[in-house]
Amino acid sequence: NRQLVYEMPSHMEGGPDGAQCDADGFLWAAISGAGRVIRISPAGVVDKIVELPVKSPTSCTFGGQDLDTLYITTRGPDGGGL
């Protein structure tokens, strides 16, 4: 049963790349070209923005003992691990 959760506004810089759901049902999406990761609520509302010191995040995931650490990957030319 596919359904649209979020449609990125045309005025928003960059484009979606990798994404991950957290334990609370929020979708975290890397916005490559905009230097940010956004959190989208189950209702489809962006409720958190993580600004990054690089322009091109590619994906994100959770880790750590309690799965409460957000890990973000990036790509060049300004890429490298965060």
N, C-alpha and C. Protein backbone atom coordinates (compact mmCIF):
# COMPACT_ATOMS: atom_id res chain seq x y z
N ASN A 1 0.83 -1.18 0.00
CA ASN A 1 0.00 0.00 0.00
C ASN A 1 0.88 1.25 0.00
N ARG A 2 1.33 1.63 -1.14
CA ARG A 2 2.16 2.83 -1.25
C ARG A 2 1.34 4.08 -1.05
N GLN A 3 1.97 5.06 -0.41
CA GLN A 3 1.33 6.37 -0.27
C GLN A 3 2.42 7.42 -0.20
N LEU A 4 2.11 8.61 -0.71
CA LEU A 4 3.03 9.72 -0.69
C LEU A 4 3.11 10.28 0.72
N VAL A 5 4.31 10.33 1.27
CA VAL A 5 4.51 10.85 2.62
C VAL A 5 4.89 12.32 2.58
N TYR A 6 5.70 12.69 1.58
CA TYR A 6 6.23 14.05 1.53
C TYR A 6 6.58 14.39 0.09
N GLU A 7 6.23 15.59 -0.33
CA GLU A 7 6.62 16.10 -1.64
C GLU A 7 7.48 17.33 -1.42
N MET A 8 8.73 17.25 -1.87
CA MET A 8 9.66 18.36 -1.67
C MET A 8 9.21 19.57 -2.46
N PRO A 9 9.12 20.74 -1.83
CA PRO A 9 8.71 21.95 -2.54
C PRO A 9 9.70 22.31 -3.65
N SER A 10 9.19 22.82 -4.75
CA SER A 10 10.06 23.15 -5.89
C SER A 10 11.05 24.26 -5.57
N HIS A 11 10.75 25.09 -4.59
CA HIS A 11 11.66 26.18 -4.23
C HIS A 11 12.81 25.72 -3.32
N MET A 12 12.72 24.51 -2.79
CA MET A 12 13.77 24.01 -1.90
C MET A 12 15.01 23.62 -2.70
N GLU A 13 16.15 24.07 -2.24
CA GLU A 13 17.42 23.77 -2.90
C GLU A 13 17.76 22.29 -2.73
N GLY A 14 18.46 21.74 -3.72
CA GLY A 14 18.94 20.36 -3.64
C GLY A 14 17.87 19.35 -4.02
N GLY A 15 18.19 18.10 -3.73
CA GLY A 15 17.26 17.02 -4.03
C GLY A 15 17.44 15.89 -3.04
N PRO A 16 16.40 15.10 -2.82
CA PRO A 16 16.49 14.01 -1.84
C PRO A 16 17.43 12.91 -2.32
N ASP A 17 18.13 12.33 -1.38
CA ASP A 17 19.02 11.21 -1.67
C ASP A 17 18.61 10.09 -0.71
N GLY A 18 19.52 9.56 0.08
CA GLY A 18 19.20 8.46 0.98
C GLY A 18 18.32 8.88 2.14
N ALA A 19 17.58 7.92 2.69
CA ALA A 19 16.68 8.21 3.80
C ALA A 19 16.60 7.01 4.74
N GLN A 20 16.10 7.27 5.94
CA GLN A 20 15.99 6.24 6.96
C GLN A 20 14.83 6.59 7.89
N CYS A 21 14.09 5.60 8.32
CA CYS A 21 13.04 5.81 9.32
C CYS A 21 13.61 5.55 10.71
N ASP A 22 13.16 6.35 11.68
CA ASP A 22 13.60 6.13 13.05
C ASP A 22 12.55 5.30 13.80
N ALA A 23 12.83 4.99 15.07
CA ALA A 23 11.96 4.13 15.87
C ALA A 23 10.59 4.75 16.13
N ASP A 24 10.48 6.07 15.96
CA ASP A 24 9.22 6.76 16.21
C ASP A 24 8.41 7.00 14.94
N GLY A 25 8.89 6.48 13.80
CA GLY A 25 8.16 6.59 12.55
C GLY A 25 8.43 7.85 11.75
N PHE A 26 9.44 8.62 12.15
CA PHE A 26 9.83 9.80 11.39
C PHE A 26 10.80 9.39 10.29
N LEU A 27 10.70 10.06 9.15
CA LEU A 27 11.59 9.81 8.02
C LEU A 27 12.67 10.87 8.01
N TRP A 28 13.94 10.46 7.99
CA TRP A 28 15.08 11.37 7.91
C TRP A 28 15.64 11.26 6.51
N ALA A 29 15.76 12.38 5.80
CA ALA A 29 16.19 12.37 4.40
C ALA A 29 17.37 13.31 4.19
N ALA A 30 18.41 12.80 3.53
CA ALA A 30 19.55 13.63 3.14
C ALA A 30 19.15 14.44 1.92
N ILE A 31 19.35 15.76 1.98
CA ILE A 31 19.02 16.63 0.86
C ILE A 31 20.34 17.06 0.22
N SER A 32 20.75 16.32 -0.79
CA SER A 32 22.03 16.54 -1.45
C SER A 32 21.96 17.83 -2.28
N GLY A 33 23.01 18.63 -2.17
CA GLY A 33 23.06 19.92 -2.84
C GLY A 33 22.59 21.06 -1.96
N ALA A 34 21.96 20.73 -0.85
CA ALA A 34 21.47 21.75 0.08
C ALA A 34 22.20 21.73 1.42
N GLY A 35 23.00 20.68 1.65
CA GLY A 35 23.76 20.62 2.88
C GLY A 35 22.92 20.44 4.13
N ARG A 36 21.90 19.58 4.03
CA ARG A 36 21.06 19.37 5.21
C ARG A 36 20.43 17.99 5.18
N VAL A 37 20.00 17.58 6.36
CA VAL A 37 19.16 16.40 6.53
C VAL A 37 17.88 16.91 7.17
N ILE A 38 16.74 16.47 6.65
CA ILE A 38 15.46 16.89 7.21
C ILE A 38 14.75 15.71 7.85
N ARG A 39 13.96 16.01 8.87
CA ARG A 39 13.12 14.98 9.49
C ARG A 39 11.67 15.28 9.13
N ILE A 40 11.00 14.27 8.61
CA ILE A 40 9.62 14.41 8.16
C ILE A 40 8.73 13.58 9.08
N SER A 41 7.72 14.22 9.64
CA SER A 41 6.81 13.53 10.55
C SER A 41 5.92 12.56 9.78
N PRO A 42 5.29 11.62 10.49
CA PRO A 42 4.35 10.71 9.82
C PRO A 42 3.22 11.45 9.11
N ALA A 43 2.94 12.69 9.52
CA ALA A 43 1.90 13.51 8.89
C ALA A 43 2.43 14.24 7.65
N GLY A 44 3.74 14.09 7.35
CA GLY A 44 4.31 14.72 6.17
C GLY A 44 4.83 16.12 6.37
N VAL A 45 5.08 16.51 7.62
CA VAL A 45 5.56 17.85 7.94
C VAL A 45 7.04 17.80 8.31
N VAL A 46 7.84 18.70 7.72
CA VAL A 46 9.26 18.82 8.10
C VAL A 46 9.29 19.50 9.46
N ASP A 47 9.75 18.78 10.47
CA ASP A 47 9.76 19.35 11.81
C ASP A 47 11.16 19.55 12.38
N LYS A 48 12.17 19.12 11.63
CA LYS A 48 13.55 19.31 12.09
C LYS A 48 14.46 19.39 10.87
N ILE A 49 15.42 20.33 10.92
CA ILE A 49 16.42 20.47 9.86
C ILE A 49 17.79 20.46 10.51
N VAL A 50 18.67 19.56 10.04
CA VAL A 50 20.05 19.50 10.51
C VAL A 50 20.91 20.11 9.41
N GLU A 51 21.43 21.31 9.67
CA GLU A 51 22.33 21.98 8.72
C GLU A 51 23.71 21.36 8.84
N LEU A 52 24.37 21.13 7.71
CA LEU A 52 25.67 20.45 7.70
C LEU A 52 26.75 21.37 7.16
N PRO A 53 28.01 21.09 7.50
CA PRO A 53 29.13 21.90 6.99
C PRO A 53 29.60 21.47 5.60
N VAL A 54 28.85 20.60 4.95
CA VAL A 54 29.15 20.14 3.60
C VAL A 54 27.90 20.29 2.75
N LYS A 55 28.05 20.34 1.44
CA LYS A 55 26.93 20.61 0.54
C LYS A 55 26.17 19.36 0.12
N SER A 56 26.82 18.19 0.14
CA SER A 56 26.21 17.02 -0.49
C SER A 56 26.11 15.79 0.41
N PRO A 57 25.19 15.80 1.37
CA PRO A 57 24.95 14.57 2.12
C PRO A 57 24.29 13.54 1.20
N THR A 58 24.61 12.28 1.41
CA THR A 58 24.05 11.24 0.54
C THR A 58 23.09 10.29 1.24
N SER A 59 23.29 10.08 2.53
CA SER A 59 22.42 9.16 3.24
C SER A 59 22.58 9.36 4.74
N CYS A 60 21.69 8.74 5.49
CA CYS A 60 21.79 8.80 6.94
C CYS A 60 21.25 7.50 7.52
N THR A 61 21.71 7.18 8.72
CA THR A 61 21.24 6.00 9.42
C THR A 61 21.46 6.20 10.90
N PHE A 62 20.92 5.31 11.69
CA PHE A 62 21.06 5.41 13.14
C PHE A 62 21.94 4.29 13.65
N GLY A 63 22.71 4.61 14.69
CA GLY A 63 23.60 3.63 15.30
C GLY A 63 23.80 3.95 16.77
N GLY A 64 24.77 3.28 17.34
CA GLY A 64 25.02 3.42 18.77
C GLY A 64 24.22 2.38 19.54
N GLN A 65 24.57 2.24 20.79
CA GLN A 65 23.95 1.21 21.63
C GLN A 65 22.43 1.34 21.68
N ASP A 66 21.92 2.58 21.71
CA ASP A 66 20.48 2.81 21.80
C ASP A 66 19.87 3.28 20.48
N LEU A 67 20.65 3.17 19.40
CA LEU A 67 20.22 3.63 18.07
C LEU A 67 19.75 5.09 18.11
N ASP A 68 20.46 5.92 18.90
CA ASP A 68 20.09 7.33 19.03
C ASP A 68 21.14 8.28 18.48
N THR A 69 22.10 7.74 17.72
CA THR A 69 23.12 8.56 17.07
C THR A 69 22.85 8.56 15.57
N LEU A 70 22.74 9.75 14.99
CA LEU A 70 22.50 9.88 13.56
C LEU A 70 23.85 9.93 12.84
N TYR A 71 24.05 9.01 11.91
CA TYR A 71 25.26 8.99 11.08
C TYR A 71 24.88 9.46 9.68
N ILE A 72 25.73 10.32 9.11
CA ILE A 72 25.46 10.91 7.80
C ILE A 72 26.65 10.66 6.89
N THR A 73 26.40 10.19 5.67
CA THR A 73 27.46 10.05 4.68
C THR A 73 27.35 11.19 3.68
N THR A 74 28.49 11.52 3.05
CA THR A 74 28.54 12.63 2.09
C THR A 74 29.32 12.19 0.86
N ARG A 75 29.30 13.02 -0.17
CA ARG A 75 30.10 12.76 -1.37
C ARG A 75 30.89 14.01 -1.72
N GLY A 76 31.93 13.84 -2.57
CA GLY A 76 32.78 14.95 -2.98
C GLY A 76 32.06 15.91 -3.89
N PRO A 77 32.67 17.06 -4.21
CA PRO A 77 34.05 17.39 -3.86
C PRO A 77 34.24 17.82 -2.42
N ASP A 78 33.18 18.18 -1.74
CA ASP A 78 33.33 18.62 -0.35
C ASP A 78 33.01 17.50 0.62
N GLY A 79 32.91 16.28 0.11
CA GLY A 79 32.48 15.15 0.93
C GLY A 79 33.49 14.70 1.93
N GLY A 80 33.38 13.47 2.32
CA GLY A 80 34.17 12.92 3.40
C GLY A 80 33.22 12.58 4.52
N GLY A 81 33.66 11.87 5.51
CA GLY A 81 32.81 11.50 6.62
C GLY A 81 32.61 12.64 7.58
N LEU A 82 31.45 12.68 8.19
CA LEU A 82 31.17 13.65 9.24
C LEU A 82 31.26 12.98 10.57
